[in-house]
Amino acid sequence: MTQIALTGGTGFLGAHVANALTQQGHNLRALVRDTSRAAQLREQGAELVIGDLNDGKALRDLVTNCDCVVHIAGAIKAKTAAELLAINGGGTKNLVAACADVIPDIRLLHVSSVTAREPELSAYANSKAASEVSAKAHGGSLVIMRPNAIYGPGDRETLQVFEIAEAWVQPVLSRPEARIAMIHGEDAANAIAAMVNTRAPTGLFEISDRCTKGYSWTQITQAAVAAVGGQYRPVPIPAAIMQMAGFVSGQIGRFSSEPPIFNSGKVREILHGDWAIDPGREIPAEIWTPKINLQDGFAQTVDWYRQQGWLKT
């Protein structure tokens, strides 16, 4: 059996990845900061290593005698750009250093983000680009995977899309040319699990569902409204209004305990016109293909949200 070292296994995507890896028969050793969130990992028989990406000893313990490292841990929001950079760029650098100390030629699968293509747009995008630079210092085989917008059961960040869909009217960005590719968390996890195999290619890959050209915001909103069983009543929102809302949210977030994910940087990401998948960076179809389309994925996600009480019934 393959021994996999996993970071980020208690998060939304990480939980899906842990499930995919154990279903394939891999043994897991997972880095966890909060053991109270590790119930699923324990049920899957994972060995837990207590620590974080700043703990060199924990990272060395994590990778010892492993065949592959799957690195998902990171932050999608933080109080400052420097904090995001330290977590995503610095944390990856620390993991690569631990690999160099223990197993220099270990296979490293680093989960980045498609936003790394445009680091100037936001602090998050810049931090993910920095994480890729850190990963490229690894001396062994390296896979960098860039998911696009991930959604699915367990994701709190996409919940707002469906809350808006339940409203009487739905604000829709008035930029029909803007496209964003989407992928269900289960599909993303299966793609990552497929690339753990040492026979899989190395390099940089981007993943989405079968609609690799992406969806307009109108299509995404319509699909969300259909999933919640609502009526589509769009209200076009000019880019200037979005920019103002992002600025205000970011300023308010400076004084709150929880940093907002919606800020000026996120608005620049949203307004960016091209988040389609690069055809030259797709995973070969014989290794992995997505199975869940947007309509079915949204419907399944809404069912899960309602079961958890996150959305109205």
C-alpha atoms as a PDB file:
ATOM      1  CA  MET A   1       0.000   0.000   0.000  1.00  0.00           C
ATOM      2  CA  THR A   2       1.072   3.564  -0.688  1.00  0.00           C
ATOM      3  CA  GLN A   3       1.742   5.793   2.306  1.00  0.00           C
ATOM      4  CA  ILE A   4       0.484   9.329   1.688  1.00  0.00           C
ATOM      5  CA  ALA A   5       1.408  12.399   3.745  1.00  0.00           C
ATOM      6  CA  LEU A   6      -1.486  14.859   3.695  1.00  0.00           C
ATOM      7  CA  THR A   7      -1.775  18.490   4.739  1.00  0.00           C
ATOM      8  CA  GLY A   8      -5.118  20.276   4.906  1.00  0.00           C
ATOM      9  CA  GLY A   9      -7.054  17.071   5.506  1.00  0.00           C
ATOM     10  CA  THR A  10      -9.550  18.706   7.874  1.00  0.00           C
ATOM     11  CA  GLY A  11     -10.615  21.373   5.350  1.00  0.00           C
ATOM     12  CA  PHE A  12     -13.333  21.286   2.720  1.00  0.00           C
ATOM     13  CA  LEU A  13     -11.252  19.993  -0.204  1.00  0.00           C
ATOM     14  CA  GLY A  14      -8.933  18.035   2.068  1.00  0.00           C
ATOM     15  CA  ALA A  15     -11.814  16.015   3.484  1.00  0.00           C
ATOM     16  CA  HIS A  16     -12.868  15.022  -0.040  1.00  0.00           C
ATOM     17  CA  VAL A  17      -9.272  14.152  -0.914  1.00  0.00           C
ATOM     18  CA  ALA A  18      -8.806  12.047   2.232  1.00  0.00           C
ATOM     19  CA  ASN A  19     -11.942  10.129   1.311  1.00  0.00           C
ATOM     20  CA  ALA A  20     -10.789   9.568  -2.284  1.00  0.00           C
ATOM     21  CA  LEU A  21      -7.340   8.397  -1.188  1.00  0.00           C
ATOM     22  CA  THR A  22      -8.642   5.933   1.421  1.00  0.00           C
ATOM     23  CA  GLN A  23     -11.182   4.571  -1.069  1.00  0.00           C
ATOM     24  CA  GLN A  24      -8.245   3.800  -3.348  1.00  0.00           C
ATOM     25  CA  GLY A  25      -6.577   1.865  -0.527  1.00  0.00           C
ATOM     26  CA  HIS A  26      -3.856   4.342   0.402  1.00  0.00           C
ATOM     27  CA  ASN A  27      -2.674   4.773   3.989  1.00  0.00           C
ATOM     28  CA  LEU A  28      -2.802   8.325   5.300  1.00  0.00           C
ATOM     29  CA  ARG A  29      -0.636  10.308   7.670  1.00  0.00           C
ATOM     30  CA  ALA A  30      -2.185  13.724   8.192  1.00  0.00           C
ATOM     31  CA  LEU A  31      -0.882  16.975   9.609  1.00  0.00           C
ATOM     32  CA  VAL A  32      -3.537  18.513  11.870  1.00  0.00           C
ATOM     33  CA  ARG A  33      -3.602  21.602  14.049  1.00  0.00           C
ATOM     34  CA  ASP A  34      -6.948  20.947  15.737  1.00  0.00           C
ATOM     35  CA  THR A  35      -7.615  17.320  16.634  1.00  0.00           C
ATOM     36  CA  SER A  36     -11.269  18.131  17.373  1.00  0.00           C
ATOM     37  CA  ARG A  37     -11.740  18.524  13.605  1.00  0.00           C
ATOM     38  CA  ALA A  38     -10.028  15.226  12.751  1.00  0.00           C
ATOM     39  CA  ALA A  39     -12.893  12.791  13.432  1.00  0.00           C
ATOM     40  CA  GLN A  40     -13.209  11.774   9.772  1.00  0.00           C
ATOM     41  CA  LEU A  41      -9.470  11.213   9.471  1.00  0.00           C
ATOM     42  CA  ARG A  42      -9.496   9.010  12.567  1.00  0.00           C
ATOM     43  CA  GLU A  43     -12.403   6.986  11.178  1.00  0.00           C
ATOM     44  CA  GLN A  44     -10.379   6.471   7.997  1.00  0.00           C
ATOM     45  CA  GLY A  45      -7.472   5.106  10.017  1.00  0.00           C
ATOM     46  CA  ALA A  46      -5.178   8.045   9.368  1.00  0.00           C
ATOM     47  CA  GLU A  47      -2.145   8.538  11.571  1.00  0.00           C
ATOM     48  CA  LEU A  48      -2.271  12.069  12.970  1.00  0.00           C
ATOM     49  CA  VAL A  49       0.755  14.341  13.290  1.00  0.00           C
ATOM     50  CA  ILE A  50      -0.013  17.352  15.475  1.00  0.00           C
ATOM     51  CA  GLY A  51       1.436  20.598  14.167  1.00  0.00           C
ATOM     52  CA  ASP A  52       1.250  23.167  11.403  1.00  0.00           C
ATOM     53  CA  LEU A  53       3.248  24.379   8.417  1.00  0.00           C
ATOM     54  CA  ASN A  54       5.609  26.344  10.669  1.00  0.00           C
ATOM     55  CA  ASP A  55       6.565  23.287  12.721  1.00  0.00           C
ATOM     56  CA  GLY A  56       9.669  21.790  11.121  1.00  0.00           C
ATOM     57  CA  LYS A  57       9.751  18.686  13.315  1.00  0.00           C
ATOM     58  CA  ALA A  58       6.075  17.926  12.648  1.00  0.00           C
ATOM     59  CA  LEU A  59       6.647  18.307   8.915  1.00  0.00           C
ATOM     60  CA  ARG A  60       9.631  15.960   8.985  1.00  0.00           C
ATOM     61  CA  ASP A  61       7.617  13.436  11.001  1.00  0.00           C
ATOM     62  CA  LEU A  62       4.795  13.808   8.484  1.00  0.00           C
ATOM     63  CA  VAL A  63       6.830  12.880   5.404  1.00  0.00           C
ATOM     64  CA  THR A  64       9.095  10.185   6.930  1.00  0.00           C
ATOM     65  CA  ASN A  65       8.710   6.846   5.110  1.00  0.00           C
ATOM     66  CA  CYS A  66       5.973   8.211   2.847  1.00  0.00           C
ATOM     67  CA  ASP A  67       5.671   7.669  -0.890  1.00  0.00           C
ATOM     68  CA  CYS A  68       3.930  10.918  -1.762  1.00  0.00           C
ATOM     69  CA  VAL A  69       3.024  14.233  -0.142  1.00  0.00           C
ATOM     70  CA  VAL A  70      -0.323  15.831  -0.982  1.00  0.00           C
ATOM     71  CA  HIS A  71      -0.152  19.455   0.100  1.00  0.00           C
ATOM     72  CA  ILE A  72      -3.531  21.183   0.362  1.00  0.00           C
ATOM     73  CA  ALA A  73      -3.193  23.218   3.552  1.00  0.00           C
ATOM     74  CA  GLY A  74      -3.301  26.969   3.172  1.00  0.00           C
ATOM     75  CA  ALA A  75      -5.436  30.039   3.732  1.00  0.00           C
ATOM     76  CA  ILE A  76      -8.014  31.624   1.443  1.00  0.00           C
ATOM     77  CA  LYS A  77      -8.307  34.758   3.569  1.00  0.00           C
ATOM     78  CA  ALA A  78      -6.318  36.569   6.225  1.00  0.00           C
ATOM     79  CA  LYS A  79      -6.127  39.941   7.931  1.00  0.00           C
ATOM     80  CA  THR A  80      -3.187  41.079   5.807  1.00  0.00           C
ATOM     81  CA  ALA A  81      -1.489  40.244   2.530  1.00  0.00           C
ATOM     82  CA  ALA A  82       1.693  39.470   4.448  1.00  0.00           C
ATOM     83  CA  GLU A  83      -0.133  36.880   6.531  1.00  0.00           C
ATOM     84  CA  LEU A  84      -1.507  35.168   3.421  1.00  0.00           C
ATOM     85  CA  LEU A  85       1.942  35.151   1.868  1.00  0.00           C
ATOM     86  CA  ALA A  86       3.498  33.672   5.004  1.00  0.00           C
ATOM     87  CA  ILE A  87       0.916  30.880   5.185  1.00  0.00           C
ATOM     88  CA  ASN A  88       0.688  29.910   1.527  1.00  0.00           C
ATOM     89  CA  GLY A  89       4.144  30.759   0.229  1.00  0.00           C
ATOM     90  CA  GLY A  90       6.081  30.286   3.467  1.00  0.00           C
ATOM     91  CA  GLY A  91       4.206  27.160   4.520  1.00  0.00           C
ATOM     92  CA  THR A  92       4.958  25.458   1.210  1.00  0.00           C
ATOM     93  CA  LYS A  93       8.605  26.482   1.514  1.00  0.00           C
ATOM     94  CA  ASN A  94       8.767  24.861   4.958  1.00  0.00           C
ATOM     95  CA  LEU A  95       7.231  21.636   3.658  1.00  0.00           C
ATOM     96  CA  VAL A  96       9.688  21.472   0.757  1.00  0.00           C
ATOM     97  CA  ALA A  97      12.544  21.966   3.229  1.00  0.00           C
ATOM     98  CA  ALA A  98      11.251  19.083   5.351  1.00  0.00           C
ATOM     99  CA  CYS A  99      11.096  16.850   2.284  1.00  0.00           C
ATOM    100  CA  ALA A 100      14.695  17.800   1.435  1.00  0.00           C
ATOM    101  CA  ASP A 101      15.776  16.810   4.937  1.00  0.00           C
ATOM    102  CA  VAL A 102      14.001  13.452   4.993  1.00  0.00           C
ATOM    103  CA  ILE A 103      13.176  12.157   1.477  1.00  0.00           C
ATOM    104  CA  PRO A 104      14.526  14.537  -1.182  1.00  0.00           C
ATOM    105  CA  ASP A 105      13.103  12.563  -4.117  1.00  0.00           C
ATOM    106  CA  ILE A 106       9.594  12.056  -2.694  1.00  0.00           C
ATOM    107  CA  ARG A 107       6.710  12.831  -5.061  1.00  0.00           C
ATOM    108  CA  LEU A 108       5.111  16.152  -4.096  1.00  0.00           C
ATOM    109  CA  LEU A 109       1.613  17.038  -5.255  1.00  0.00           C
ATOM    110  CA  HIS A 110       0.954  20.693  -4.502  1.00  0.00           C
ATOM    111  CA  VAL A 111      -2.619  21.974  -4.754  1.00  0.00           C
ATOM    112  CA  SER A 112      -2.503  25.595  -5.846  1.00  0.00           C
ATOM    113  CA  SER A 113      -5.212  27.706  -7.510  1.00  0.00           C
ATOM    114  CA  VAL A 114      -5.922  28.925 -11.011  1.00  0.00           C
ATOM    115  CA  THR A 115      -5.694  32.451  -9.584  1.00  0.00           C
ATOM    116  CA  ALA A 116      -1.910  31.952  -9.461  1.00  0.00           C
ATOM    117  CA  ARG A 117      -1.974  32.796 -13.178  1.00  0.00           C
ATOM    118  CA  GLU A 118      -2.770  36.416 -12.265  1.00  0.00           C
ATOM    119  CA  PRO A 119      -0.839  37.230  -9.060  1.00  0.00           C
ATOM    120  CA  GLU A 120      -1.387  40.971  -9.436  1.00  0.00           C
ATOM    121  CA  LEU A 121      -5.141  40.686  -8.928  1.00  0.00           C
ATOM    122  CA  SER A 122      -5.268  39.937  -5.220  1.00  0.00           C
ATOM    123  CA  ALA A 123      -3.264  39.084  -2.137  1.00  0.00           C
ATOM    124  CA  TYR A 124      -4.634  35.546  -2.359  1.00  0.00           C
ATOM    125  CA  ALA A 125      -3.594  35.112  -5.993  1.00  0.00           C
ATOM    126  CA  ASN A 126      -0.137  36.462  -5.178  1.00  0.00           C
ATOM    127  CA  SER A 127       0.227  34.067  -2.249  1.00  0.00           C
ATOM    128  CA  LYS A 128      -0.732  31.077  -4.408  1.00  0.00           C
ATOM    129  CA  ALA A 129       1.775  32.136  -7.079  1.00  0.00           C
ATOM    130  CA  ALA A 130       4.384  32.325  -4.318  1.00  0.00           C
ATOM    131  CA  SER A 131       3.411  28.852  -3.137  1.00  0.00           C
ATOM    132  CA  GLU A 132       4.119  27.513  -6.618  1.00  0.00           C
ATOM    133  CA  VAL A 133       7.545  29.176  -6.619  1.00  0.00           C
ATOM    134  CA  SER A 134       8.246  27.472  -3.281  1.00  0.00           C
ATOM    135  CA  ALA A 135       7.046  24.119  -4.584  1.00  0.00           C
ATOM    136  CA  LYS A 136       9.317  24.337  -7.643  1.00  0.00           C
ATOM    137  CA  ALA A 137      12.327  24.230  -5.325  1.00  0.00           C
ATOM    138  CA  HIS A 138      11.471  20.594  -4.559  1.00  0.00           C
ATOM    139  CA  GLY A 139      14.145  18.181  -5.737  1.00  0.00           C
ATOM    140  CA  GLY A 140      11.873  15.236  -6.466  1.00  0.00           C
ATOM    141  CA  SER A 141       8.989  14.692  -8.880  1.00  0.00           C
ATOM    142  CA  LEU A 142       6.515  17.565  -8.678  1.00  0.00           C
ATOM    143  CA  VAL A 143       2.872  17.950  -9.639  1.00  0.00           C
ATOM    144  CA  ILE A 144       1.206  21.357  -9.292  1.00  0.00           C
ATOM    145  CA  MET A 145      -2.561  21.298  -9.638  1.00  0.00           C
ATOM    146  CA  ARG A 146      -4.671  24.399 -10.130  1.00  0.00           C
ATOM    147  CA  PRO A 147      -8.354  23.816  -9.418  1.00  0.00           C
ATOM    148  CA  ASN A 148     -10.730  26.547 -10.480  1.00  0.00           C
ATOM    149  CA  ALA A 149     -13.785  27.456  -8.361  1.00  0.00           C
ATOM    150  CA  ILE A 150     -14.498  24.443  -6.146  1.00  0.00           C
ATOM    151  CA  TYR A 151     -17.924  23.865  -4.600  1.00  0.00           C
ATOM    152  CA  GLY A 152     -19.760  21.013  -2.946  1.00  0.00           C
ATOM    153  CA  PRO A 153     -20.831  19.537   0.395  1.00  0.00           C
ATOM    154  CA  GLY A 154     -18.814  20.996   3.254  1.00  0.00           C
ATOM    155  CA  ASP A 155     -17.968  24.284   1.540  1.00  0.00           C
ATOM    156  CA  ARG A 156     -19.040  27.367   3.475  1.00  0.00           C
ATOM    157  CA  GLU A 157     -17.515  29.857   1.056  1.00  0.00           C
ATOM    158  CA  THR A 158     -19.875  28.964  -1.821  1.00  0.00           C
ATOM    159  CA  LEU A 159     -22.902  28.911   0.479  1.00  0.00           C
ATOM    160  CA  GLN A 160     -23.541  32.595  -0.240  1.00  0.00           C
ATOM    161  CA  VAL A 161     -24.189  31.789  -3.917  1.00  0.00           C
ATOM    162  CA  PHE A 162     -27.178  29.689  -2.886  1.00  0.00           C
ATOM    163  CA  GLU A 163     -28.355  32.137  -0.240  1.00  0.00           C
ATOM    164  CA  ILE A 164     -28.504  34.766  -2.983  1.00  0.00           C
ATOM    165  CA  ALA A 165     -30.315  32.284  -5.237  1.00  0.00           C
ATOM    166  CA  GLU A 166     -33.039  31.909  -2.596  1.00  0.00           C
ATOM    167  CA  ALA A 167     -33.629  35.672  -2.483  1.00  0.00           C
ATOM    168  CA  TRP A 168     -36.475  37.488  -4.244  1.00  0.00           C
ATOM    169  CA  VAL A 169     -34.017  38.955  -6.741  1.00  0.00           C
ATOM    170  CA  GLN A 170     -30.480  37.919  -7.655  1.00  0.00           C
ATOM    171  CA  PRO A 171     -27.669  40.396  -8.326  1.00  0.00           C
ATOM    172  CA  VAL A 172     -25.755  39.345 -11.445  1.00  0.00           C
ATOM    173  CA  LEU A 173     -22.519  40.873 -12.658  1.00  0.00           C
ATOM    174  CA  SER A 174     -23.216  42.755 -15.876  1.00  0.00           C
ATOM    175  CA  ARG A 175     -20.194  41.386 -17.743  1.00  0.00           C
ATOM    176  CA  PRO A 176     -21.435  38.561 -19.991  1.00  0.00           C
ATOM    177  CA  GLU A 177     -17.948  37.971 -21.407  1.00  0.00           C
ATOM    178  CA  ALA A 178     -16.485  37.000 -18.011  1.00  0.00           C
ATOM    179  CA  ARG A 179     -16.078  33.223 -17.646  1.00  0.00           C
ATOM    180  CA  ILE A 180     -15.214  31.070 -14.672  1.00  0.00           C
ATOM    181  CA  ALA A 181     -14.675  27.311 -14.745  1.00  0.00           C
ATOM    182  CA  MET A 182     -16.163  25.267 -11.894  1.00  0.00           C
ATOM    183  CA  ILE A 183     -15.497  21.876 -10.325  1.00  0.00           C
ATOM    184  CA  HIS A 184     -17.259  19.788  -7.696  1.00  0.00           C
ATOM    185  CA  GLY A 185     -15.137  18.921  -4.664  1.00  0.00           C
ATOM    186  CA  GLU A 186     -15.529  15.194  -5.287  1.00  0.00           C
ATOM    187  CA  ASP A 187     -14.250  15.511  -8.856  1.00  0.00           C
ATOM    188  CA  ALA A 188     -11.349  17.698  -7.710  1.00  0.00           C
ATOM    189  CA  ALA A 189     -10.457  15.118  -5.059  1.00  0.00           C
ATOM    190  CA  ASN A 190     -10.524  12.269  -7.552  1.00  0.00           C
ATOM    191  CA  ALA A 191      -8.253  14.240  -9.882  1.00  0.00           C
ATOM    192  CA  ILE A 192      -5.762  14.763  -7.072  1.00  0.00           C
ATOM    193  CA  ALA A 193      -5.940  11.112  -6.043  1.00  0.00           C
ATOM    194  CA  ALA A 194      -5.330  10.030  -9.646  1.00  0.00           C
ATOM    195  CA  MET A 195      -2.154  12.111  -9.819  1.00  0.00           C
ATOM    196  CA  VAL A 196      -0.663  10.507  -6.697  1.00  0.00           C
ATOM    197  CA  ASN A 197       0.293   7.517  -8.816  1.00  0.00           C
ATOM    198  CA  THR A 198       3.984   7.611  -9.674  1.00  0.00           C
ATOM    199  CA  ARG A 199       3.116   6.571 -13.242  1.00  0.00           C
ATOM    200  CA  ALA A 200       1.043   9.736 -13.686  1.00  0.00           C
ATOM    201  CA  PRO A 201       2.781  12.652 -15.400  1.00  0.00           C
ATOM    202  CA  THR A 202       4.456  15.490 -13.541  1.00  0.00           C
ATOM    203  CA  GLY A 203       4.143  19.198 -14.250  1.00  0.00           C
ATOM    204  CA  LEU A 204       1.460  21.875 -14.006  1.00  0.00           C
ATOM    205  CA  PHE A 205      -2.216  21.002 -14.490  1.00  0.00           C
ATOM    206  CA  GLU A 206      -5.542  22.859 -14.320  1.00  0.00           C
ATOM    207  CA  ILE A 207      -8.820  21.125 -13.517  1.00  0.00           C
ATOM    208  CA  SER A 208     -12.521  21.867 -13.919  1.00  0.00           C
ATOM    209  CA  ASP A 209     -15.683  20.058 -14.893  1.00  0.00           C
ATOM    210  CA  ARG A 210     -16.298  19.198 -18.556  1.00  0.00           C
ATOM    211  CA  CYS A 211     -17.139  22.827 -19.348  1.00  0.00           C
ATOM    212  CA  THR A 212     -13.490  23.831 -19.502  1.00  0.00           C
ATOM    213  CA  LYS A 213     -14.340  27.152 -21.180  1.00  0.00           C
ATOM    214  CA  GLY A 214     -16.159  28.175 -18.022  1.00  0.00           C
ATOM    215  CA  TYR A 215     -19.559  29.645 -17.227  1.00  0.00           C
ATOM    216  CA  SER A 216     -20.887  33.186 -17.276  1.00  0.00           C
ATOM    217  CA  TRP A 217     -22.132  34.611 -13.990  1.00  0.00           C
ATOM    218  CA  THR A 218     -25.629  34.478 -15.471  1.00  0.00           C
ATOM    219  CA  GLN A 219     -25.303  30.727 -16.072  1.00  0.00           C
ATOM    220  CA  ILE A 220     -23.956  30.138 -12.567  1.00  0.00           C
ATOM    221  CA  THR A 221     -26.752  32.151 -10.958  1.00  0.00           C
ATOM    222  CA  GLN A 222     -29.413  30.447 -13.059  1.00  0.00           C
ATOM    223  CA  ALA A 223     -28.067  27.033 -12.083  1.00  0.00           C
ATOM    224  CA  ALA A 224     -28.048  28.024  -8.402  1.00  0.00           C
ATOM    225  CA  VAL A 225     -31.634  29.323  -8.588  1.00  0.00           C
ATOM    226  CA  ALA A 226     -32.752  26.075 -10.236  1.00  0.00           C
ATOM    227  CA  ALA A 227     -30.986  24.049  -7.523  1.00  0.00           C
ATOM    228  CA  VAL A 228     -32.809  25.844  -4.695  1.00  0.00           C
ATOM    229  CA  GLY A 229     -36.130  25.704  -6.576  1.00  0.00           C
ATOM    230  CA  GLY A 230     -36.438  29.471  -6.870  1.00  0.00           C
ATOM    231  CA  GLN A 231     -37.380  31.900  -9.611  1.00  0.00           C
ATOM    232  CA  TYR A 232     -34.705  33.698 -11.579  1.00  0.00           C
ATOM    233  CA  ARG A 233     -35.122  37.471 -11.245  1.00  0.00           C
ATOM    234  CA  PRO A 234     -31.762  39.004 -12.185  1.00  0.00           C
ATOM    235  CA  VAL A 235     -30.678  42.506 -11.234  1.00  0.00           C
ATOM    236  CA  PRO A 236     -27.600  43.572 -13.246  1.00  0.00           C
ATOM    237  CA  ILE A 237     -24.813  44.922 -11.037  1.00  0.00           C
ATOM    238  CA  PRO A 238     -22.265  47.269 -12.675  1.00  0.00           C
ATOM    239  CA  ALA A 239     -18.594  46.640 -12.034  1.00  0.00           C
ATOM    240  CA  ALA A 240     -18.281  49.962 -10.183  1.00  0.00           C
ATOM    241  CA  ILE A 241     -20.856  48.860  -7.603  1.00  0.00           C
ATOM    242  CA  MET A 242     -18.988  45.581  -7.105  1.00  0.00           C
ATOM    243  CA  GLN A 243     -15.737  47.469  -6.601  1.00  0.00           C
ATOM    244  CA  MET A 244     -17.311  49.776  -4.035  1.00  0.00           C
ATOM    245  CA  ALA A 245     -18.878  46.846  -2.165  1.00  0.00           C
ATOM    246  CA  GLY A 246     -15.559  44.995  -2.100  1.00  0.00           C
ATOM    247  CA  PHE A 247     -13.755  48.056  -0.751  1.00  0.00           C
ATOM    248  CA  VAL A 248     -16.334  48.606   1.993  1.00  0.00           C
ATOM    249  CA  SER A 249     -16.315  44.931   2.983  1.00  0.00           C
ATOM    250  CA  GLY A 250     -12.532  44.938   3.177  1.00  0.00           C
ATOM    251  CA  GLN A 251     -12.484  48.049   5.336  1.00  0.00           C
ATOM    252  CA  ILE A 252     -15.079  46.644   7.720  1.00  0.00           C
ATOM    253  CA  GLY A 253     -13.086  43.419   7.885  1.00  0.00           C
ATOM    254  CA  ARG A 254     -10.086  45.288   9.275  1.00  0.00           C
ATOM    255  CA  PHE A 255     -12.022  45.738  12.509  1.00  0.00           C
ATOM    256  CA  SER A 256     -13.655  42.304  12.723  1.00  0.00           C
ATOM    257  CA  SER A 257     -12.291  39.103  14.228  1.00  0.00           C
ATOM    258  CA  GLU A 258     -12.940  37.153  11.020  1.00  0.00           C
ATOM    259  CA  PRO A 259     -11.393  38.526   7.798  1.00  0.00           C
ATOM    260  CA  PRO A 260     -13.909  38.694   4.927  1.00  0.00           C
ATOM    261  CA  ILE A 261     -13.331  36.667   1.787  1.00  0.00           C
ATOM    262  CA  PHE A 262     -15.127  39.394  -0.198  1.00  0.00           C
ATOM    263  CA  ASN A 263     -12.824  42.377  -0.578  1.00  0.00           C
ATOM    264  CA  SER A 264     -11.277  44.500  -3.320  1.00  0.00           C
ATOM    265  CA  GLY A 265      -8.935  41.702  -4.355  1.00  0.00           C
ATOM    266  CA  LYS A 266     -11.777  39.195  -4.639  1.00  0.00           C
ATOM    267  CA  VAL A 267     -13.718  41.678  -6.769  1.00  0.00           C
ATOM    268  CA  ARG A 268     -10.743  41.999  -9.123  1.00  0.00           C
ATOM    269  CA  GLU A 269     -10.708  38.200  -9.384  1.00  0.00           C
ATOM    270  CA  ILE A 270     -14.440  38.184 -10.143  1.00  0.00           C
ATOM    271  CA  LEU A 271     -14.136  40.927 -12.748  1.00  0.00           C
ATOM    272  CA  HIS A 272     -11.238  39.191 -14.480  1.00  0.00           C
ATOM    273  CA  GLY A 273     -12.590  37.967 -17.784  1.00  0.00           C
ATOM    274  CA  ASP A 274     -10.841  34.640 -18.269  1.00  0.00           C
ATOM    275  CA  TRP A 275     -10.871  31.867 -15.703  1.00  0.00           C
ATOM    276  CA  ALA A 276     -11.265  29.153 -18.312  1.00  0.00           C
ATOM    277  CA  ILE A 277      -8.976  26.126 -18.201  1.00  0.00           C
ATOM    278  CA  ASP A 278      -5.831  26.267 -20.328  1.00  0.00           C
ATOM    279  CA  PRO A 279      -6.273  23.397 -22.854  1.00  0.00           C
ATOM    280  CA  GLY A 280      -2.545  22.706 -22.711  1.00  0.00           C
ATOM    281  CA  ARG A 281      -2.706  22.018 -18.973  1.00  0.00           C
ATOM    282  CA  GLU A 282      -5.483  19.443 -18.769  1.00  0.00           C
ATOM    283  CA  ILE A 283      -4.875  16.058 -17.138  1.00  0.00           C
ATOM    284  CA  PRO A 284      -4.773  13.319 -19.806  1.00  0.00           C
ATOM    285  CA  ALA A 285      -8.237  11.784 -20.165  1.00  0.00           C
ATOM    286  CA  GLU A 286      -6.928   8.260 -19.610  1.00  0.00           C
ATOM    287  CA  ILE A 287      -5.851   9.277 -16.099  1.00  0.00           C
ATOM    288  CA  TRP A 288      -8.844  11.357 -14.993  1.00  0.00           C
ATOM    289  CA  THR A 289     -12.034  12.894 -16.351  1.00  0.00           C
ATOM    290  CA  PRO A 290     -14.672  14.848 -14.381  1.00  0.00           C
ATOM    291  CA  LYS A 291     -18.037  13.187 -13.810  1.00  0.00           C
ATOM    292  CA  ILE A 292     -20.276  15.803 -12.147  1.00  0.00           C
ATOM    293  CA  ASN A 293     -21.883  18.586 -14.197  1.00  0.00           C
ATOM    294  CA  LEU A 294     -22.846  21.946 -12.722  1.00  0.00           C
ATOM    295  CA  GLN A 295     -26.584  21.286 -12.514  1.00  0.00           C
ATOM    296  CA  ASP A 296     -26.239  17.929 -10.737  1.00  0.00           C
ATOM    297  CA  GLY A 297     -23.429  19.220  -8.537  1.00  0.00           C
ATOM    298  CA  PHE A 298     -25.406  22.266  -7.424  1.00  0.00           C
ATOM    299  CA  ALA A 299     -28.493  20.145  -6.699  1.00  0.00           C
ATOM    300  CA  GLN A 300     -26.462  17.708  -4.590  1.00  0.00           C
ATOM    301  CA  THR A 301     -24.792  20.580  -2.744  1.00  0.00           C
ATOM    302  CA  VAL A 302     -28.110  22.264  -1.943  1.00  0.00           C
ATOM    303  CA  ASP A 303     -29.490  18.960  -0.602  1.00  0.00           C
ATOM    304  CA  TRP A 304     -26.468  18.669   1.691  1.00  0.00           C
ATOM    305  CA  TYR A 305     -26.749  22.291   2.859  1.00  0.00           C
ATOM    306  CA  ARG A 306     -30.398  21.754   3.739  1.00  0.00           C
ATOM    307  CA  GLN A 307     -29.665  18.549   5.609  1.00  0.00           C
ATOM    308  CA  GLN A 308     -27.150  20.501   7.691  1.00  0.00           C
ATOM    309  CA  GLY A 309     -29.574  23.382   8.241  1.00  0.00           C
ATOM    310  CA  TRP A 310     -27.354  25.824   6.347  1.00  0.00           C
ATOM    311  CA  LEU A 311     -30.143  26.675   3.897  1.00  0.00           C
ATOM    312  CA  LYS A 312     -33.904  26.965   4.212  1.00  0.00           C
ATOM    313  CA  THR A 313     -35.898  23.816   3.584  1.00  0.00           C
END
